[in-house]
PDB file of N, CA and C in Angstrom:
ATOM      1  N   MET A   1     -66.552  70.960 185.446  1.00  0.00           N
ATOM      2  CA  MET A   1     -65.871  71.048 186.717  1.00  0.00           C
ATOM      3  C   MET A   1     -64.943  72.369 186.807  1.00  0.00           C
ATOM      4  N   GLY A   2     -65.062  72.944 187.847  1.00  0.00           N
ATOM      5  CA  GLY A   2     -64.223  74.232 188.016  1.00  0.00           C
ATOM      6  C   GLY A   2     -63.163  74.138 188.973  1.00  0.00           C
ATOM      7  N   THR A   3     -62.425  75.106 189.162  1.00  0.00           N
ATOM      8  CA  THR A   3     -61.414  75.162 190.181  1.00  0.00           C
ATOM      9  C   THR A   3     -61.968  75.713 191.503  1.00  0.00           C
ATOM     10  N   ARG A   4     -61.211  75.536 192.463  1.00  0.00           N
ATOM     11  CA  ARG A   4     -61.630  76.060 193.781  1.00  0.00           C
ATOM     12  C   ARG A   4     -61.822  77.632 193.861  1.00  0.00           C
ATOM     13  N   LEU A   5     -61.011  78.206 193.268  1.00  0.00           N
ATOM     14  CA  LEU A   5     -61.159  79.665 193.208  1.00  0.00           C
ATOM     15  C   LEU A   5     -62.501  80.183 192.319  1.00  0.00           C
ATOM     16  N   GLU A   6     -62.824  79.317 191.357  1.00  0.00           N
ATOM     17  CA  GLU A   6     -64.050  79.608 190.541  1.00  0.00           C
ATOM     18  C   GLU A   6     -65.169  79.336 191.638  1.00  0.00           C
ATOM     19  N   LEU A   7     -65.214  78.287 192.371  1.00  0.00           N
ATOM     20  CA  LEU A   7     -66.227  78.050 193.273  1.00  0.00           C
ATOM     21  C   LEU A   7     -66.357  79.139 194.320  1.00  0.00           C
ATOM     22  N   GLN A   8     -65.178  79.516 194.772  1.00  0.00           N
ATOM     23  CA  GLN A   8     -65.256  80.690 195.832  1.00  0.00           C
ATOM     24  C   GLN A   8     -65.932  82.054 195.160  1.00  0.00           C
ATOM     25  N   GLU A   9     -65.626  82.310 193.891  1.00  0.00           N
ATOM     26  CA  GLU A   9     -66.350  83.406 193.299  1.00  0.00           C
ATOM     27  C   GLU A   9     -67.682  83.173 193.145  1.00  0.00           C
ATOM     28  N   GLU A  10     -68.184  81.884 192.702  1.00  0.00           N
ATOM     29  CA  GLU A  10     -69.736  81.695 192.633  1.00  0.00           C
ATOM     30  C   GLU A  10     -70.294  81.730 193.913  1.00  0.00           C
ATOM     31  N   LEU A  11     -69.782  81.207 195.048  1.00  0.00           N
ATOM     32  CA  LEU A  11     -70.365  81.265 196.282  1.00  0.00           C
ATOM     33  C   LEU A  11     -70.540  82.755 196.805  1.00  0.00           C
ATOM     34  N   ALA A  12     -69.503  83.534 196.522  1.00  0.00           N
ATOM     35  CA  ALA A  12     -69.533  84.955 196.939  1.00  0.00           C
ATOM     36  C   ALA A  12     -70.746  85.613 196.052  1.00  0.00           C
ATOM     37  N   ALA A  13     -70.836  85.314 194.832  1.00  0.00           N
ATOM     38  CA  ALA A  13     -71.888  85.854 193.854  1.00  0.00           C
ATOM     39  C   ALA A  13     -73.325  85.533 194.332  1.00  0.00           C
ATOM     40  N   VAL A  14     -73.464  84.278 194.640  1.00  0.00           N
ATOM     41  CA  VAL A  14     -74.713  83.819 195.099  1.00  0.00           C
ATOM     42  C   VAL A  14     -75.109  84.327 196.529  1.00  0.00           C
ATOM     43  N   ALA A  15     -74.297  84.389 197.387  1.00  0.00           N
ATOM     44  CA  ALA A  15     -74.390  84.713 198.747  1.00  0.00           C
ATOM     45  C   ALA A  15     -74.605  86.252 198.908  1.00  0.00           C
ATOM     46  N   GLY A  16     -73.857  87.041 198.080  1.00  0.00           N
ATOM     47  CA  GLY A  16     -74.065  88.591 198.111  1.00  0.00           C
ATOM     48  C   GLY A  16     -72.994  89.313 199.051  1.00  0.00           C
ATOM     49  N   SER A  17     -73.079  90.425 199.065  1.00  0.00           N
ATOM     50  CA  SER A  17     -72.034  91.217 199.690  1.00  0.00           C
ATOM     51  C   SER A  17     -72.070  91.087 201.318  1.00  0.00           C
ATOM     52  N   SER A  18     -73.151  90.609 201.732  1.00  0.00           N
ATOM     53  CA  SER A  18     -73.283  90.626 203.255  1.00  0.00           C
ATOM     54  C   SER A  18     -72.670  89.368 203.908  1.00  0.00           C
ATOM     55  N   PHE A  19     -72.395  88.449 203.122  1.00  0.00           N
ATOM     56  CA  PHE A  19     -71.767  87.036 203.441  1.00  0.00           C
ATOM     57  C   PHE A  19     -70.201  87.067 203.228  1.00  0.00           C
ATOM     58  N   ARG A  20     -69.492  86.804 204.029  1.00  0.00           N
ATOM     59  CA  ARG A  20     -68.042  86.384 203.819  1.00  0.00           C
ATOM     60  C   ARG A  20     -67.874  84.923 203.518  1.00  0.00           C
ATOM     61  N   VAL A  21     -66.825  84.551 202.690  1.00  0.00           N
ATOM     62  CA  VAL A  21     -66.595  83.224 202.224  1.00  0.00           C
ATOM     63  C   VAL A  21     -65.265  82.805 202.651  1.00  0.00           C
ATOM     64  N   TYR A  22     -64.978  81.753 203.438  1.00  0.00           N
ATOM     65  CA  TYR A  22     -63.765  81.393 203.914  1.00  0.00           C
ATOM     66  C   TYR A  22     -63.585  79.879 203.415  1.00  0.00           C
ATOM     67  N   TYR A  23     -62.249  79.735 203.053  1.00  0.00           N
ATOM     68  CA  TYR A  23     -61.881  78.406 202.732  1.00  0.00           C
ATOM     69  C   TYR A  23     -60.828  77.826 203.780  1.00  0.00           C
ATOM     70  N   GLN A  24     -61.315  76.776 204.368  1.00  0.00           N
ATOM     71  CA  GLN A  24     -60.616  76.159 205.366  1.00  0.00           C
ATOM     72  C   GLN A  24     -59.808  77.094 206.468  1.00  0.00           C
ATOM     73  N   PRO A  25     -60.511  77.918 207.050  1.00  0.00           N
ATOM     74  CA  PRO A  25     -60.041  78.968 208.007  1.00  0.00           C
ATOM     75  C   PRO A  25     -59.268  78.300 209.206  1.00  0.00           C
ATOM     76  N   PRO A  26     -58.029  78.816 209.436  1.00  0.00           N
ATOM     77  CA  PRO A  26     -57.349  78.148 210.584  1.00  0.00           C
ATOM     78  C   PRO A  26     -57.960  78.606 211.935  1.00  0.00           C
ATOM     79  N   HIS A  27     -57.831  77.951 212.936  1.00  0.00           N
ATOM     80  CA  HIS A  27     -58.546  78.208 214.253  1.00  0.00           C
ATOM     81  C   HIS A  27     -58.168  79.632 214.707  1.00  0.00           C
ATOM     82  N   ASN A  28     -57.259  80.206 214.391  1.00  0.00           N
ATOM     83  CA  ASN A  28     -56.908  81.627 214.942  1.00  0.00           C
ATOM     84  C   ASN A  28     -57.626  82.673 214.206  1.00  0.00           C
ATOM     85  N   VAL A  29     -58.203  82.520 213.103  1.00  0.00           N
ATOM     86  CA  VAL A  29     -58.976  83.610 212.323  1.00  0.00           C
ATOM     87  C   VAL A  29     -60.329  83.716 213.035  1.00  0.00           C
ATOM     88  N   GLU A  30     -60.519  85.118 213.255  1.00  0.00           N
ATOM     89  CA  GLU A  30     -61.731  85.544 213.718  1.00  0.00           C
ATOM     90  C   GLU A  30     -62.728  85.714 212.742  1.00  0.00           C
ATOM     91  N   MET A  31     -63.788  84.783 212.642  1.00  0.00           N
ATOM     92  CA  MET A  31     -64.702  84.997 211.445  1.00  0.00           C
ATOM     93  C   MET A  31     -65.768  85.939 211.777  1.00  0.00           C
ATOM     94  N   LYS A  32     -66.136  86.690 210.820  1.00  0.00           N
ATOM     95  CA  LYS A  32     -67.412  87.548 210.791  1.00  0.00           C
ATOM     96  C   LYS A  32     -68.585  86.975 210.129  1.00  0.00           C
ATOM     97  N   TYR A  33     -69.626  87.065 210.924  1.00  0.00           N
ATOM     98  CA  TYR A  33     -70.995  86.393 210.550  1.00  0.00           C
ATOM     99  C   TYR A  33     -71.939  87.354 209.835  1.00  0.00           C
ATOM    100  N   PRO A  34     -72.657  86.996 208.970  1.00  0.00           N
ATOM    101  CA  PRO A  34     -72.910  85.727 208.428  1.00  0.00           C
ATOM    102  C   PRO A  34     -71.757  85.275 207.431  1.00  0.00           C
ATOM    103  N   CYS A  35     -71.541  84.003 207.427  1.00  0.00           N
ATOM    104  CA  CYS A  35     -70.538  83.561 206.464  1.00  0.00           C
ATOM    105  C   CYS A  35     -70.784  82.225 205.862  1.00  0.00           C
ATOM    106  N   ILE A  36     -69.917  81.812 204.927  1.00  0.00           N
ATOM    107  CA  ILE A  36     -69.909  80.634 204.331  1.00  0.00           C
ATOM    108  C   ILE A  36     -68.414  79.947 204.613  1.00  0.00           C
ATOM    109  N   VAL A  37     -68.383  78.777 205.269  1.00  0.00           N
ATOM    110  CA  VAL A  37     -67.090  78.108 205.424  1.00  0.00           C
ATOM    111  C   VAL A  37     -67.162  76.872 204.618  1.00  0.00           C
ATOM    112  N   TYR A  38     -66.045  76.626 203.755  1.00  0.00           N
ATOM    113  CA  TYR A  38     -66.099  75.502 203.030  1.00  0.00           C
ATOM    114  C   TYR A  38     -64.674  74.809 203.072  1.00  0.00           C
ATOM    115  N   GLU A  39     -64.647  73.446 202.748  1.00  0.00           N
ATOM    116  CA  GLU A  39     -63.494  72.623 202.792  1.00  0.00           C
ATOM    117  C   GLU A  39     -63.595  71.469 201.866  1.00  0.00           C
ATOM    118  N   ARG A  40     -62.526  70.981 201.471  1.00  0.00           N
ATOM    119  CA  ARG A  40     -62.539  69.891 200.509  1.00  0.00           C
ATOM    120  C   ARG A  40     -62.924  68.619 201.336  1.00  0.00           C
ATOM    121  N   ASP A  41     -63.747  67.814 200.650  1.00  0.00           N
ATOM    122  CA  ASP A  41     -64.333  66.516 201.185  1.00  0.00           C
ATOM    123  C   ASP A  41     -63.936  65.409 200.341  1.00  0.00           C
ATOM    124  N   ARG A  42     -64.396  64.124 200.590  1.00  0.00           N
ATOM    125  CA  ARG A  42     -64.026  63.018 199.791  1.00  0.00           C
ATOM    126  C   ARG A  42     -64.496  63.204 198.271  1.00  0.00           C
ATOM    127  N   PRO A  43     -63.794  63.069 197.337  1.00  0.00           N
ATOM    128  CA  PRO A  43     -64.128  63.339 195.964  1.00  0.00           C
ATOM    129  C   PRO A  43     -64.992  62.051 195.495  1.00  0.00           C
ATOM    130  N   TYR A  44     -65.692  62.230 194.438  1.00  0.00           N
ATOM    131  CA  TYR A  44     -66.421  61.215 193.782  1.00  0.00           C
ATOM    132  C   TYR A  44     -65.538  60.673 192.647  1.00  0.00           C
ATOM    133  N   SER A  45     -65.271  59.276 192.761  1.00  0.00           N
ATOM    134  CA  SER A  45     -64.350  58.735 191.722  1.00  0.00           C
ATOM    135  C   SER A  45     -64.918  57.425 191.341  1.00  0.00           C
ATOM    136  N   ARG A  46     -64.857  57.037 190.002  1.00  0.00           N
ATOM    137  CA  ARG A  46     -65.234  55.714 189.589  1.00  0.00           C
ATOM    138  C   ARG A  46     -64.127  55.230 188.672  1.00  0.00           C
ATOM    139  N   SER A  47     -63.742  54.090 188.911  1.00  0.00           N
ATOM    140  CA  SER A  47     -62.654  53.427 187.985  1.00  0.00           C
ATOM    141  C   SER A  47     -63.081  52.042 187.369  1.00  0.00           C
ATOM    142  N   ALA A  48     -62.563  51.757 186.191  1.00  0.00           N
ATOM    143  CA  ALA A  48     -62.741  50.545 185.495  1.00  0.00           C
ATOM    144  C   ALA A  48     -61.599  50.284 184.590  1.00  0.00           C
ATOM    145  N   ASP A  49     -61.210  48.976 184.304  1.00  0.00           N
ATOM    146  CA  ASP A  49     -60.036  48.624 183.515  1.00  0.00           C
ATOM    147  C   ASP A  49     -58.751  49.403 183.806  1.00  0.00           C
ATOM    148  N   ASN A  50     -58.467  49.492 185.032  1.00  0.00           N
ATOM    149  CA  ASN A  50     -57.233  50.217 185.494  1.00  0.00           C
ATOM    150  C   ASN A  50     -57.150  51.723 185.179  1.00  0.00           C
ATOM    151  N   ALA A  51     -58.390  52.347 184.957  1.00  0.00           N
ATOM    152  CA  ALA A  51     -58.394  53.715 184.667  1.00  0.00           C
ATOM    153  C   ALA A  51     -59.644  54.422 185.406  1.00  0.00           C
ATOM    154  N   THR A  52     -59.363  55.715 185.700  1.00  0.00           N
ATOM    155  CA  THR A  52     -60.448  56.404 186.240  1.00  0.00           C
ATOM    156  C   THR A  52     -61.349  57.044 185.223  1.00  0.00           C
ATOM    157  N   TYR A  53     -62.610  56.863 185.263  1.00  0.00           N
ATOM    158  CA  TYR A  53     -63.365  57.445 184.139  1.00  0.00           C
ATOM    159  C   TYR A  53     -64.358  58.488 184.652  1.00  0.00           C
ATOM    160  N   ALA A  54     -64.374  58.721 185.943  1.00  0.00           N
ATOM    161  CA  ALA A  54     -65.201  59.831 186.512  1.00  0.00           C
ATOM    162  C   ALA A  54     -64.602  60.288 187.787  1.00  0.00           C
ATOM    163  N   PHE A  55     -64.503  61.623 187.810  1.00  0.00           N
ATOM    164  CA  PHE A  55     -63.797  62.346 189.104  1.00  0.00           C
ATOM    165  C   PHE A  55     -64.536  63.604 189.196  1.00  0.00           C
ATOM    166  N   MET A  56     -64.913  63.844 190.495  1.00  0.00           N
ATOM    167  CA  MET A  56     -65.528  65.237 190.665  1.00  0.00           C
ATOM    168  C   MET A  56     -65.137  65.521 192.192  1.00  0.00           C
ATOM    169  N   ARG A  57     -64.567  66.741 192.340  1.00  0.00           N
ATOM    170  CA  ARG A  57     -64.153  67.203 193.743  1.00  0.00           C
ATOM    171  C   ARG A  57     -65.442  67.443 194.541  1.00  0.00           C
ATOM    172  N   GLN A  58     -65.397  67.133 195.755  1.00  0.00           N
ATOM    173  CA  GLN A  58     -66.677  67.455 196.578  1.00  0.00           C
ATOM    174  C   GLN A  58     -66.110  68.465 197.717  1.00  0.00           C
ATOM    175  N   TYR A  59     -66.977  69.366 198.038  1.00  0.00           N
ATOM    176  CA  TYR A  59     -66.649  70.415 199.139  1.00  0.00           C
ATOM    177  C   TYR A  59     -67.826  70.184 200.010  1.00  0.00           C
ATOM    178  N   GLN A  60     -67.471  70.483 201.348  1.00  0.00           N
ATOM    179  CA  GLN A  60     -68.470  70.522 202.407  1.00  0.00           C
ATOM    180  C   GLN A  60     -68.620  72.131 202.720  1.00  0.00           C
ATOM    181  N   LEU A  61     -69.753  72.672 202.630  1.00  0.00           N
ATOM    182  CA  LEU A  61     -70.132  73.983 202.898  1.00  0.00           C
ATOM    183  C   LEU A  61     -70.881  74.115 204.180  1.00  0.00           C
ATOM    184  N   THR A  62     -70.511  75.120 205.014  1.00  0.00           N
ATOM    185  CA  THR A  62     -71.265  75.414 206.244  1.00  0.00           C
ATOM    186  C   THR A  62     -71.854  76.903 206.176  1.00  0.00           C
ATOM    187  N   VAL A  63     -73.135  77.031 206.033  1.00  0.00           N
ATOM    188  CA  VAL A  63     -73.607  78.376 206.060  1.00  0.00           C
ATOM    189  C   VAL A  63     -73.804  78.755 207.641  1.00  0.00           C
ATOM    190  N   ILE A  64     -73.224  79.797 208.088  1.00  0.00           N
ATOM    191  CA  ILE A  64     -73.333  80.193 209.506  1.00  0.00           C
ATOM    192  C   ILE A  64     -73.982  81.627 209.530  1.00  0.00           C
ATOM    193  N   THR A  65     -75.138  81.676 210.336  1.00  0.00           N
ATOM    194  CA  THR A  65     -75.773  82.929 210.384  1.00  0.00           C
ATOM    195  C   THR A  65     -76.499  83.121 211.747  1.00  0.00           C
ATOM    196  N   ARG A  66     -76.904  84.281 212.056  1.00  0.00           N
ATOM    197  CA  ARG A  66     -77.632  84.623 213.233  1.00  0.00           C
ATOM    198  C   ARG A  66     -79.140  84.487 212.946  1.00  0.00           C
ATOM    199  N   ASP A  67     -79.563  84.367 211.674  1.00  0.00           N
ATOM    200  CA  ASP A  67     -80.872  84.395 211.242  1.00  0.00           C
ATOM    201  C   ASP A  67     -81.431  83.021 210.956  1.00  0.00           C
ATOM    202  N   ALA A  68     -82.317  82.638 211.723  1.00  0.00           N
ATOM    203  CA  ALA A  68     -82.932  81.222 211.606  1.00  0.00           C
ATOM    204  C   ALA A  68     -83.538  81.059 210.329  1.00  0.00           C
ATOM    205  N   ASP A  69     -84.164  82.053 209.628  1.00  0.00           N
ATOM    206  CA  ASP A  69     -84.919  82.070 208.406  1.00  0.00           C
ATOM    207  C   ASP A  69     -84.056  82.394 207.227  1.00  0.00           C
ATOM    208  N   CYS A  70     -82.733  82.312 207.251  1.00  0.00           N
ATOM    209  CA  CYS A  70     -81.862  82.618 206.143  1.00  0.00           C
ATOM    210  C   CYS A  70     -82.065  81.744 205.044  1.00  0.00           C
ATOM    211  N   ASP A  71     -82.261  82.251 203.774  1.00  0.00           N
ATOM    212  CA  ASP A  71     -82.655  81.621 202.636  1.00  0.00           C
ATOM    213  C   ASP A  71     -81.489  81.194 201.788  1.00  0.00           C
ATOM    214  N   LEU A  72     -80.180  81.409 202.176  1.00  0.00           N
ATOM    215  CA  LEU A  72     -79.033  81.120 201.520  1.00  0.00           C
ATOM    216  C   LEU A  72     -78.915  79.688 201.195  1.00  0.00           C
ATOM    217  N   PRO A  73     -79.183  78.788 202.134  1.00  0.00           N
ATOM    218  CA  PRO A  73     -78.978  77.340 201.753  1.00  0.00           C
ATOM    219  C   PRO A  73     -79.871  76.906 200.533  1.00  0.00           C
ATOM    220  N   GLU A  74     -81.052  77.444 200.608  1.00  0.00           N
ATOM    221  CA  GLU A  74     -81.910  77.116 199.531  1.00  0.00           C
ATOM    222  C   GLU A  74     -81.514  77.683 198.136  1.00  0.00           C
ATOM    223  N   ARG A  75     -81.103  78.917 198.188  1.00  0.00           N
ATOM    224  CA  ARG A  75     -80.422  79.560 196.933  1.00  0.00           C
ATOM    225  C   ARG A  75     -79.286  78.760 196.369  1.00  0.00           C
ATOM    226  N   LEU A  76     -78.468  78.177 197.386  1.00  0.00           N
ATOM    227  CA  LEU A  76     -77.213  77.408 196.901  1.00  0.00           C
ATOM    228  C   LEU A  76     -77.679  76.102 196.256  1.00  0.00           C
ATOM    229  N   VAL A  77     -78.726  75.373 196.828  1.00  0.00           N
ATOM    230  CA  VAL A  77     -79.152  74.255 196.128  1.00  0.00           C
ATOM    231  C   VAL A  77     -79.783  74.458 194.905  1.00  0.00           C
ATOM    232  N   LYS A  78     -80.483  75.582 194.699  1.00  0.00           N
ATOM    233  CA  LYS A  78     -81.100  75.958 193.446  1.00  0.00           C
ATOM    234  C   LYS A  78     -80.083  76.331 192.368  1.00  0.00           C
ATOM    235  N   HIS A  79     -78.936  77.036 192.918  1.00  0.00           N
ATOM    236  CA  HIS A  79     -77.982  77.488 191.865  1.00  0.00           C
ATOM    237  C   HIS A  79     -77.041  76.359 191.388  1.00  0.00           C
ATOM    238  N   PHE A  80     -76.580  75.571 192.292  1.00  0.00           N
ATOM    239  CA  PHE A  80     -75.791  74.456 192.014  1.00  0.00           C
ATOM    240  C   PHE A  80     -76.418  73.178 191.685  1.00  0.00           C
ATOM    241  N   PRO A  81     -76.330  72.556 190.501  1.00  0.00           N
ATOM    242  CA  PRO A  81     -77.050  71.376 190.275  1.00  0.00           C
ATOM    243  C   PRO A  81     -76.611  70.129 191.105  1.00  0.00           C
ATOM    244  N   LEU A  82     -75.428  70.103 191.543  1.00  0.00           N
ATOM    245  CA  LEU A  82     -74.922  68.919 192.308  1.00  0.00           C
ATOM    246  C   LEU A  82     -74.653  69.456 193.777  1.00  0.00           C
ATOM    247  N   CYS A  83     -75.674  70.042 194.392  1.00  0.00           N
ATOM    248  CA  CYS A  83     -75.622  70.554 195.779  1.00  0.00           C
ATOM    249  C   CYS A  83     -76.789  69.910 196.527  1.00  0.00           C
ATOM    250  N   ARG A  84     -76.488  69.454 197.673  1.00  0.00           N
ATOM    251  CA  ARG A  84     -77.569  69.016 198.558  1.00  0.00           C
ATOM    252  C   ARG A  84     -77.423  69.363 199.999  1.00  0.00           C
ATOM    253  N   GLU A  85     -78.499  69.703 200.595  1.00  0.00           N
ATOM    254  CA  GLU A  85     -78.453  70.054 202.118  1.00  0.00           C
ATOM    255  C   GLU A  85     -78.346  68.847 203.018  1.00  0.00           C
ATOM    256  N   GLU A  86     -77.587  68.815 203.858  1.00  0.00           N
ATOM    257  CA  GLU A  86     -77.398  67.540 204.682  1.00  0.00           C
ATOM    258  C   GLU A  86     -77.934  67.613 206.026  1.00  0.00           C
ATOM    259  N   ARG A  87     -77.828  68.716 206.899  1.00  0.00           N
ATOM    260  CA  ARG A  87     -78.305  68.899 208.108  1.00  0.00           C
ATOM    261  C   ARG A  87     -78.039  70.317 208.664  1.00  0.00           C
ATOM    262  N   THR A  88     -78.907  70.618 209.736  1.00  0.00           N
ATOM    263  CA  THR A  88     -78.731  71.930 210.275  1.00  0.00           C
ATOM    264  C   THR A  88     -78.596  71.681 211.938  1.00  0.00           C
ATOM    265  N   PHE A  89     -78.005  72.681 212.485  1.00  0.00           N
ATOM    266  CA  PHE A  89     -77.922  72.607 214.005  1.00  0.00           C
ATOM    267  C   PHE A  89     -77.625  74.054 214.490  1.00  0.00           C
ATOM    268  N   VAL A  90     -77.778  74.356 215.863  1.00  0.00           N
ATOM    269  CA  VAL A  90     -77.482  75.565 216.378  1.00  0.00           C
ATOM    270  C   VAL A  90     -76.409  75.366 217.337  1.00  0.00           C
ATOM    271  N   SER A  91     -75.513  76.317 217.302  1.00  0.00           N
ATOM    272  CA  SER A  91     -74.379  76.160 218.332  1.00  0.00           C
ATOM    273  C   SER A  91     -73.957  77.637 218.653  1.00  0.00           C
ATOM    274  N   ASP A  92     -73.821  78.005 219.891  1.00  0.00           N
ATOM    275  CA  ASP A  92     -73.446  79.444 220.302  1.00  0.00           C
ATOM    276  C   ASP A  92     -74.254  80.387 219.700  1.00  0.00           C
ATOM    277  N   ASN A  93     -75.639  80.169 219.681  1.00  0.00           N
ATOM    278  CA  ASN A  93     -76.680  81.174 219.136  1.00  0.00           C
ATOM    279  C   ASN A  93     -76.360  81.347 217.632  1.00  0.00           C
ATOM    280  N   LEU A  94     -75.848  80.526 216.862  1.00  0.00           N
ATOM    281  CA  LEU A  94     -75.467  80.709 215.456  1.00  0.00           C
ATOM    282  C   LEU A  94     -76.233  79.515 214.776  1.00  0.00           C
ATOM    283  N   TYR A  95     -76.849  79.627 213.763  1.00  0.00           N
ATOM    284  CA  TYR A  95     -77.593  78.560 212.920  1.00  0.00           C
ATOM    285  C   TYR A  95     -76.492  78.187 211.907  1.00  0.00           C
ATOM    286  N   HIS A  96     -76.313  76.882 211.783  1.00  0.00           N
ATOM    287  CA  HIS A  96     -75.333  76.201 210.984  1.00  0.00           C
ATOM    288  C   HIS A  96     -76.199  75.282 209.987  1.00  0.00           C
ATOM    289  N   THR A  97     -75.956  75.507 208.727  1.00  0.00           N
ATOM    290  CA  THR A  97     -76.494  74.564 207.690  1.00  0.00           C
ATOM    291  C   THR A  97     -75.324  73.897 206.856  1.00  0.00           C
ATOM    292  N   ILE A  98     -75.247  72.588 206.912  1.00  0.00           N
ATOM    293  CA  ILE A  98     -74.180  71.793 206.138  1.00  0.00           C
ATOM    294  C   ILE A  98     -74.802  71.441 204.810  1.00  0.00           C
ATOM    295  N   LEU A  99     -73.928  71.796 203.791  1.00  0.00           N
ATOM    296  CA  LEU A  99     -74.362  71.175 202.467  1.00  0.00           C
ATOM    297  C   LEU A  99     -73.121  70.636 201.829  1.00  0.00           C
ATOM    298  N   ASN A 100     -73.301  69.690 200.989  1.00  0.00           N
ATOM    299  CA  ASN A 100     -72.274  69.082 200.152  1.00  0.00           C
ATOM    300  C   ASN A 100     -72.487  69.465 198.778  1.00  0.00           C
ATOM    301  N   ILE A 101     -71.392  69.718 198.119  1.00  0.00           N
ATOM    302  CA  ILE A 101     -71.434  70.227 196.611  1.00  0.00           C
ATOM    303  C   ILE A 101     -70.382  69.616 195.788  1.00  0.00           C
ATOM    304  N   TYR A 102     -70.645  69.090 194.766  1.00  0.00           N
ATOM    305  CA  TYR A 102     -69.590  68.524 193.725  1.00  0.00           C
ATOM    306  C   TYR A 102     -69.405  69.784 192.735  1.00  0.00           C
ATOM    307  N   PHE A 103     -68.163  70.086 192.598  1.00  0.00           N
ATOM    308  CA  PHE A 103     -67.856  71.199 191.755  1.00  0.00           C
ATOM    309  C   PHE A 103     -66.432  71.028 190.952  1.00  0.00           C
TER     310      PHE A 103
END
């Protein structure tokens, strides 16, 4: 399990130089596309006998691009063993793919 900054570095490496990576950008930030936006989500946690024996941070990633055939979501799922694609949608002529990742 790595840190959030290690995740950011890996996301940037897998995505390549044409994608920007944003962590919880405020609403006043003008994002450049294509990009990955990610934020912390509910962690995986298991407890027994008054102790936590399993804990993993979960992040929600959104790949935003103008290209309907972008292969980045597939590359992310192949690169990160605990990553899965959740859904896709189009908004303002931008293609959004939502993924969840434990890191």
